[in-house]
Amino acid sequence: MSENTENTESTLKSQTLSCESKTSDQSAHKPVKVVVALGGNALEEKGKESTAENQRNTVSRTCRLLAKLSAAGYEIAIVHGNGPQVGRILLASETAHNVTPAMPFDVCGAMSQGYIGYHIQQAMREALQQEGRSDIPVVSLVTQVLVDPDDPAFQLPEKPIGIFYTKEEAEVLKKEKGYTMREDAGRGWRRVVASPKPVEIVEFETLKRLWDSTIVILCGGGGIPVVRKADGSLQGVPAVIDKDLAAAKVAEEIGADILLILTEVDQVAVNFGRPDQQDLGSMTCEEAEIYIDEGHFAPGSMLPKVQAAVQFTRSGEGRHAVITSLAQAVDALQGTAGTRILSAE
């Protein structure tokens, strides 16, 4: 068992009493609405083979913590990433293209939502049963997210997906399929796609109707990016939506109180990895933007999490975001761990 796993298991035991206390405190008040954004470490454990069985085991540990949030009286919805999983689906599809037609990227994204959602909803049902809350239904929702076809990201695609190709193979794909191909650090050529901002959660009304009774898993991988055609119909596009920004959009639209972004570190830090690293217990949106301008947060890592946190916090009065590790989730919601992103006093 890895150190991370041991920490998570010990946290499960130590936080049970605080969750029970929170349940009694919230029973006389309006339930707190929380949208949870799960990082990759909540689905896969580093150093282990990326099998379905290993993912299911990791998801089970994750859901035991999430179930404690629900049992404590929080109303939650779950958004998750899909980076490694959709990459493997695409790899399998492209590798077998001589045997069966390769699936387009938006379809691969939908497939990843299905199998990750299946693991989460199955594990959540088991975890809720252990908490004595088998009465709470859990469902995963294949979710489309509307993007703007004029988003500047489409003019500068930079998100690598799929397998490596030779330069010659890349030229053929550019000519025959119109793919944008880019050389990747001397390892070969890869397809790159845009990462547009989420505009609208297409299945939002479904989430709204389910919220009061059901834990909904949605916007897997940031959601399946779609554009609206002239006749009003939707069409999938090859793109990747950041899952933290999608979670922020979900939280805004559902009127959540807290956006809880779970990642590998307990707190956000400035000067990360340096001798003068400073962990942050809280920061205002204004302070966060200063840190962003100073380059403290890495693109594709902490940067989109902080940006999503600022976006949500500013979307309504009384809202705030929390960034922390999975193991600290319960304590972070109670204000004793993690990094809180707050409106200016």
Protein backbone atom coordinates (compact mmCIF):
# COMPACT_ATOMS: atom_id res chain seq x y z
CA MET A 1 0.00 0.00 0.00
CA SER A 2 1.38 3.43 -0.96
CA GLU A 3 1.87 6.35 1.45
CA ASN A 4 -0.99 8.24 -0.20
CA THR A 5 -3.31 5.29 0.25
CA GLU A 6 -2.33 4.91 3.91
CA ASN A 7 -2.95 8.63 4.50
CA THR A 8 -6.36 8.41 2.88
CA GLU A 9 -7.33 5.33 4.88
CA SER A 10 -6.27 6.95 8.17
CA THR A 11 -8.15 10.11 7.24
CA LEU A 12 -11.31 8.09 6.63
CA LYS A 13 -11.19 6.91 10.26
CA SER A 14 -10.15 10.18 11.90
CA GLN A 15 -12.78 12.33 10.17
CA THR A 16 -15.82 10.19 10.93
CA LEU A 17 -16.55 11.93 14.24
CA SER A 18 -16.23 15.43 12.77
CA CYS A 19 -18.61 14.47 9.97
CA GLU A 20 -21.16 13.17 12.47
CA SER A 21 -20.90 16.47 14.35
CA LYS A 22 -21.42 18.40 11.11
CA THR A 23 -24.58 16.38 10.42
CA SER A 24 -26.21 17.53 13.65
CA ASP A 25 -25.12 21.14 13.04
CA GLN A 26 -26.61 21.23 9.54
CA SER A 27 -29.86 19.46 10.35
CA ALA A 28 -31.48 22.71 11.48
CA HIS A 29 -30.16 24.76 8.57
CA LYS A 30 -30.45 24.87 4.82
CA PRO A 31 -28.10 22.21 3.34
CA VAL A 32 -24.84 23.51 1.93
CA LYS A 33 -24.52 22.88 -1.81
CA VAL A 34 -21.07 21.70 -2.91
CA VAL A 35 -19.79 20.88 -6.38
CA VAL A 36 -16.75 18.61 -6.11
CA ALA A 37 -14.09 18.55 -8.85
CA LEU A 38 -12.02 15.37 -8.65
CA GLY A 39 -8.38 15.39 -9.77
CA GLY A 40 -6.63 12.54 -11.51
CA ASN A 41 -5.27 11.08 -8.27
CA ALA A 42 -8.87 10.46 -7.15
CA LEU A 43 -9.26 8.02 -10.05
CA GLU A 44 -5.81 6.50 -10.52
CA GLU A 45 -2.95 5.86 -8.12
CA LYS A 46 0.53 6.74 -9.26
CA GLY A 47 2.86 3.79 -9.74
CA LYS A 48 0.06 1.32 -10.42
CA GLU A 49 -0.89 -0.17 -13.77
CA SER A 50 -3.79 1.63 -15.39
CA THR A 51 -6.21 -1.29 -15.30
CA ALA A 52 -9.95 -1.08 -14.79
CA GLU A 53 -9.57 -3.04 -11.54
CA ASN A 54 -6.97 -0.64 -10.12
CA GLN A 55 -9.08 2.36 -11.08
CA ARG A 56 -12.12 0.82 -9.39
CA ASN A 57 -10.11 0.24 -6.19
CA THR A 58 -8.85 3.84 -6.18
CA VAL A 59 -12.34 5.17 -6.87
CA SER A 60 -13.67 3.13 -3.94
CA ARG A 61 -11.31 4.89 -1.53
CA THR A 62 -12.26 8.24 -3.04
CA CYS A 63 -15.96 7.58 -2.69
CA ARG A 64 -15.67 6.56 0.95
CA LEU A 65 -14.55 10.12 1.65
CA LEU A 66 -17.17 11.68 -0.63
CA ALA A 67 -19.89 9.62 1.03
CA LYS A 68 -18.89 11.15 4.36
CA LEU A 69 -19.59 14.59 2.91
CA SER A 70 -23.06 13.49 1.86
CA ALA A 71 -23.72 11.76 5.18
CA ALA A 72 -22.65 14.95 6.96
CA GLY A 73 -25.50 16.81 5.30
CA TYR A 74 -23.77 18.43 2.34
CA GLU A 75 -25.60 18.26 -0.99
CA ILE A 76 -23.01 17.31 -3.59
CA ALA A 77 -22.50 16.82 -7.29
CA ILE A 78 -19.31 15.32 -8.71
CA VAL A 79 -17.27 16.45 -11.71
CA HIS A 80 -14.24 14.38 -12.71
CA GLY A 81 -11.31 14.43 -15.11
CA ASN A 82 -10.65 11.89 -17.84
CA GLY A 83 -7.21 12.73 -19.23
CA PRO A 84 -5.47 9.34 -19.07
CA GLN A 85 -8.67 7.39 -19.72
CA VAL A 86 -9.78 9.22 -22.86
CA GLY A 87 -6.19 9.04 -24.10
CA ARG A 88 -6.22 5.26 -23.79
CA ILE A 89 -9.59 5.00 -25.51
CA LEU A 90 -8.30 7.13 -28.37
CA LEU A 91 -5.07 5.12 -28.50
CA ALA A 92 -6.97 1.84 -28.75
CA SER A 93 -9.24 3.26 -31.43
CA GLU A 94 -6.42 4.68 -33.51
CA THR A 95 -4.21 1.62 -33.12
CA ALA A 96 -6.98 -0.65 -34.37
CA HIS A 97 -8.00 1.58 -37.27
CA ASN A 98 -7.09 -1.13 -39.79
CA VAL A 99 -9.55 -3.49 -38.10
CA THR A 100 -12.41 -1.19 -37.10
CA PRO A 101 -13.10 2.49 -37.86
CA ALA A 102 -11.51 4.91 -35.39
CA MET A 103 -13.95 6.85 -33.24
CA PRO A 104 -13.93 10.67 -33.33
CA PHE A 105 -12.60 12.43 -30.25
CA ASP A 106 -15.96 13.63 -28.95
CA VAL A 107 -17.24 10.05 -29.03
CA CYS A 108 -14.15 8.89 -27.13
CA GLY A 109 -14.95 11.52 -24.51
CA ALA A 110 -18.50 10.20 -24.18
CA MET A 111 -17.14 6.66 -23.77
CA SER A 112 -14.82 7.81 -20.98
CA GLN A 113 -17.71 9.51 -19.17
CA GLY A 114 -19.61 6.25 -19.30
CA TYR A 115 -17.00 3.98 -17.80
CA ILE A 116 -15.61 6.41 -15.22
CA GLY A 117 -19.13 7.38 -14.18
CA TYR A 118 -20.02 3.71 -13.84
CA HIS A 119 -17.11 3.16 -11.45
CA ILE A 120 -17.95 6.26 -9.38
CA GLN A 121 -21.67 5.61 -9.10
CA GLN A 122 -21.11 1.97 -8.17
CA ALA A 123 -18.51 2.87 -5.53
CA MET A 124 -20.64 5.74 -4.18
CA ARG A 125 -23.63 3.45 -3.68
CA GLU A 126 -21.47 1.06 -1.70
CA ALA A 127 -19.92 3.86 0.36
CA LEU A 128 -23.29 5.46 1.11
CA GLN A 129 -24.60 2.12 2.24
CA GLN A 130 -21.69 1.88 4.70
CA GLU A 131 -22.69 5.33 5.99
CA GLY A 132 -26.28 4.20 6.47
CA ARG A 133 -27.49 6.34 3.55
CA SER A 134 -28.48 3.77 0.97
CA ASP A 135 -31.59 5.90 0.42
CA ILE A 136 -29.57 8.42 -1.62
CA PRO A 137 -29.60 7.57 -5.35
CA VAL A 138 -26.48 8.07 -7.47
CA VAL A 139 -26.45 8.52 -11.24
CA SER A 140 -23.86 9.42 -13.86
CA LEU A 141 -24.98 11.80 -16.60
CA VAL A 142 -23.41 11.87 -20.03
CA THR A 143 -22.96 15.62 -20.31
CA GLN A 144 -22.54 17.91 -23.29
CA VAL A 145 -21.05 21.36 -22.76
CA LEU A 146 -21.66 24.13 -25.25
CA VAL A 147 -18.60 26.03 -26.42
CA ASP A 148 -18.27 29.09 -28.62
CA PRO A 149 -17.08 28.18 -32.14
CA ASP A 150 -15.39 31.59 -32.22
CA ASP A 151 -13.44 30.93 -29.00
CA PRO A 152 -9.85 32.05 -29.68
CA ALA A 153 -8.64 28.64 -28.47
CA PHE A 154 -9.80 27.13 -31.76
CA GLN A 155 -7.29 29.33 -33.58
CA LEU A 156 -4.44 28.09 -31.42
CA PRO A 157 -4.97 24.41 -30.55
CA GLU A 158 -2.36 23.26 -28.04
CA LYS A 159 -3.76 20.31 -26.10
CA PRO A 160 -1.96 17.10 -27.24
CA ILE A 161 -4.07 13.95 -27.54
CA GLY A 162 -3.61 10.44 -28.85
CA ILE A 163 -0.52 8.55 -29.99
CA PHE A 164 2.82 9.66 -31.47
CA TYR A 165 3.34 9.66 -35.23
CA THR A 166 6.30 10.05 -37.53
CA LYS A 167 6.61 13.31 -39.43
CA GLU A 168 5.50 11.56 -42.60
CA GLU A 169 2.42 10.08 -40.92
CA ALA A 170 1.61 13.47 -39.43
CA GLU A 171 1.71 15.09 -42.86
CA VAL A 172 -0.76 12.50 -44.19
CA LEU A 173 -3.17 13.15 -41.29
CA LYS A 174 -2.93 16.90 -41.83
CA LYS A 175 -3.74 16.48 -45.52
CA GLU A 176 -6.41 13.77 -45.32
CA LYS A 177 -8.20 14.64 -42.07
CA GLY A 178 -7.31 18.28 -41.49
CA TYR A 179 -5.73 17.54 -38.09
CA THR A 180 -3.41 20.06 -36.49
CA MET A 181 -0.18 18.18 -35.75
CA ARG A 182 2.69 19.32 -33.58
CA GLU A 183 6.12 17.92 -32.76
CA ASP A 184 6.24 16.88 -29.11
CA ALA A 185 9.61 17.30 -27.36
CA GLY A 186 11.51 15.13 -29.80
CA ARG A 187 9.26 12.13 -29.17
CA GLY A 188 7.31 12.37 -32.40
CA TRP A 189 4.27 14.19 -33.72
CA ARG A 190 0.90 14.33 -32.01
CA ARG A 191 -2.50 15.71 -32.78
CA VAL A 192 -3.37 18.86 -30.84
CA VAL A 193 -6.87 20.19 -30.18
CA ALA A 194 -8.35 23.36 -28.75
CA SER A 195 -9.28 23.91 -25.10
CA PRO A 196 -12.23 26.33 -25.26
CA LYS A 197 -14.05 27.75 -22.25
CA PRO A 198 -17.39 26.22 -21.22
CA VAL A 199 -20.39 28.37 -22.09
CA GLU A 200 -23.42 26.30 -21.11
CA ILE A 201 -24.12 22.92 -19.51
CA VAL A 202 -26.56 21.39 -22.01
CA GLU A 203 -28.03 18.90 -19.51
CA PHE A 204 -28.34 21.49 -16.74
CA GLU A 205 -32.12 21.14 -16.43
CA THR A 206 -31.65 17.43 -15.78
CA LEU A 207 -29.17 18.20 -13.00
CA LYS A 208 -31.57 20.79 -11.56
CA ARG A 209 -34.43 18.29 -11.38
CA LEU A 210 -32.25 15.64 -9.76
CA TRP A 211 -30.35 17.84 -7.32
CA ASP A 212 -32.63 17.63 -4.27
CA SER A 213 -32.81 13.84 -4.32
CA THR A 214 -29.77 12.45 -6.13
CA ILE A 215 -25.98 12.65 -6.25
CA VAL A 216 -25.20 13.40 -9.88
CA ILE A 217 -21.86 12.66 -11.57
CA LEU A 218 -21.53 14.93 -14.59
CA CYS A 219 -19.24 16.83 -16.94
CA GLY A 220 -16.67 14.05 -17.01
CA GLY A 221 -13.46 15.33 -18.55
CA GLY A 222 -14.97 18.82 -18.61
CA GLY A 223 -17.93 17.59 -20.65
CA ILE A 224 -18.31 16.64 -24.30
CA PRO A 225 -17.65 19.87 -26.22
CA VAL A 226 -20.41 20.74 -28.67
CA VAL A 227 -21.37 23.72 -30.81
CA ARG A 228 -24.87 24.81 -31.79
CA LYS A 229 -25.53 24.71 -35.51
CA ALA A 230 -27.71 27.17 -37.42
CA ASP A 231 -30.74 24.87 -37.16
CA GLY A 232 -30.35 24.61 -33.37
CA SER A 233 -28.95 21.08 -33.34
CA LEU A 234 -25.72 20.22 -31.54
CA GLN A 235 -22.52 18.89 -33.05
CA GLY A 236 -19.52 17.48 -31.20
CA VAL A 237 -16.14 19.09 -31.82
CA PRO A 238 -12.60 17.79 -31.19
CA ALA A 239 -11.62 19.77 -28.13
CA VAL A 240 -10.86 19.42 -24.43
CA ILE A 241 -12.65 21.53 -21.82
CA ASP A 242 -10.81 22.04 -18.55
CA LYS A 243 -12.72 20.06 -15.93
CA ASP A 244 -12.18 22.63 -13.16
CA LEU A 245 -13.64 25.41 -15.32
CA ALA A 246 -16.56 23.12 -16.16
CA ALA A 247 -17.07 22.41 -12.46
CA ALA A 248 -17.09 26.15 -11.78
CA LYS A 249 -19.77 26.60 -14.47
CA VAL A 250 -21.87 23.81 -12.93
CA ALA A 251 -21.49 25.36 -9.48
CA GLU A 252 -22.47 28.81 -10.76
CA GLU A 253 -25.58 27.62 -12.54
CA ILE A 254 -26.86 25.35 -9.77
CA GLY A 255 -26.33 28.07 -7.14
CA ALA A 256 -23.76 26.14 -5.13
CA ASP A 257 -22.28 27.59 -1.96
CA ILE A 258 -18.85 26.00 -2.34
CA LEU A 259 -16.69 24.77 -5.21
CA LEU A 260 -14.40 22.08 -3.79
CA ILE A 261 -11.43 21.35 -6.07
CA LEU A 262 -9.53 18.24 -5.03
CA THR A 263 -5.96 17.73 -6.16
CA GLU A 264 -2.67 16.14 -5.03
CA VAL A 265 -1.55 18.85 -2.60
CA ASP A 266 -3.10 19.95 0.70
CA GLN A 267 -2.82 23.67 -0.05
CA VAL A 268 -2.07 26.10 -2.85
CA ALA A 269 1.46 27.51 -2.59
CA VAL A 270 3.45 30.38 -4.02
CA ASN A 271 7.11 29.80 -4.91
CA PHE A 272 6.15 26.14 -5.18
CA GLY A 273 9.05 23.71 -4.88
CA ARG A 274 11.51 26.40 -3.76
CA PRO A 275 13.12 26.94 -0.34
CA ASP A 276 10.86 29.96 0.19
CA GLN A 277 7.65 28.09 -0.66
CA GLN A 278 4.66 29.54 1.17
CA ASP A 279 1.49 27.52 1.65
CA LEU A 280 -1.68 29.58 1.61
CA GLY A 281 -4.55 29.04 4.02
CA SER A 282 -6.66 31.58 2.15
CA MET A 283 -6.46 34.28 -0.49
CA THR A 284 -8.84 36.80 -1.97
CA CYS A 285 -9.68 36.80 -5.65
CA GLU A 286 -7.57 39.91 -6.04
CA GLU A 287 -4.57 38.28 -4.37
CA ALA A 288 -5.03 35.19 -6.53
CA GLU A 289 -4.90 37.31 -9.68
CA ILE A 290 -1.69 38.96 -8.51
CA TYR A 291 -0.14 35.53 -7.97
CA ILE A 292 -1.34 34.47 -11.42
CA ASP A 293 0.25 37.54 -13.03
CA GLU A 294 3.48 36.79 -11.18
CA GLY A 295 3.53 33.29 -12.67
CA HIS A 296 3.23 31.28 -9.46
CA PHE A 297 0.80 28.68 -10.86
CA ALA A 298 1.72 26.24 -13.61
CA PRO A 299 -0.48 26.09 -16.74
CA GLY A 300 -2.33 22.80 -17.01
CA SER A 301 -1.80 22.19 -13.29
CA MET A 302 -2.64 24.67 -10.51
CA LEU A 303 -3.38 27.62 -12.80
CA PRO A 304 -6.79 26.45 -14.11
CA LYS A 305 -7.80 25.42 -10.58
CA VAL A 306 -7.13 28.88 -9.20
CA GLN A 307 -8.80 30.50 -12.22
CA ALA A 308 -11.89 28.31 -11.73
CA ALA A 309 -11.93 29.15 -8.02
CA VAL A 310 -11.81 32.89 -8.72
CA GLN A 311 -14.48 32.63 -11.41
CA PHE A 312 -16.89 30.82 -9.10
CA THR A 313 -16.24 32.98 -6.04
CA ARG A 314 -17.01 36.11 -8.02
CA SER A 315 -20.19 34.66 -9.50
CA GLY A 316 -22.40 35.33 -6.47
CA GLU A 317 -22.54 36.73 -2.97
CA GLY A 318 -21.53 34.37 -0.18
CA ARG A 319 -19.77 31.90 -2.45
CA HIS A 320 -16.23 30.64 -2.01
CA ALA A 321 -13.97 27.94 -3.36
CA VAL A 322 -11.63 25.51 -1.63
CA ILE A 323 -8.58 23.80 -3.12
CA THR A 324 -7.13 20.89 -1.19
CA SER A 325 -6.25 17.20 -1.29
CA LEU A 326 -8.79 14.41 -1.21
CA ALA A 327 -7.62 13.36 2.24
CA GLN A 328 -8.30 16.86 3.63
CA ALA A 329 -11.70 17.35 1.96
CA VAL A 330 -13.87 17.13 5.08
CA ASP A 331 -11.64 19.37 7.20
CA ALA A 332 -11.30 21.84 4.33
CA LEU A 333 -15.06 22.28 4.06
CA GLN A 334 -15.11 23.06 7.78
CA GLY A 335 -12.40 25.70 7.31
CA THR A 336 -9.54 23.94 9.07
CA ALA A 337 -7.51 22.77 6.05
CA GLY A 338 -6.85 23.55 2.41
CA THR A 339 -6.81 26.94 0.69
CA ARG A 340 -9.98 29.03 0.63
CA ILE A 341 -10.51 31.53 -2.18
CA LEU A 342 -12.67 34.37 -0.89
CA SER A 343 -14.19 37.62 -2.04
CA ALA A 344 -12.48 40.73 -0.73
CA GLU A 345 -13.64 41.75 2.72
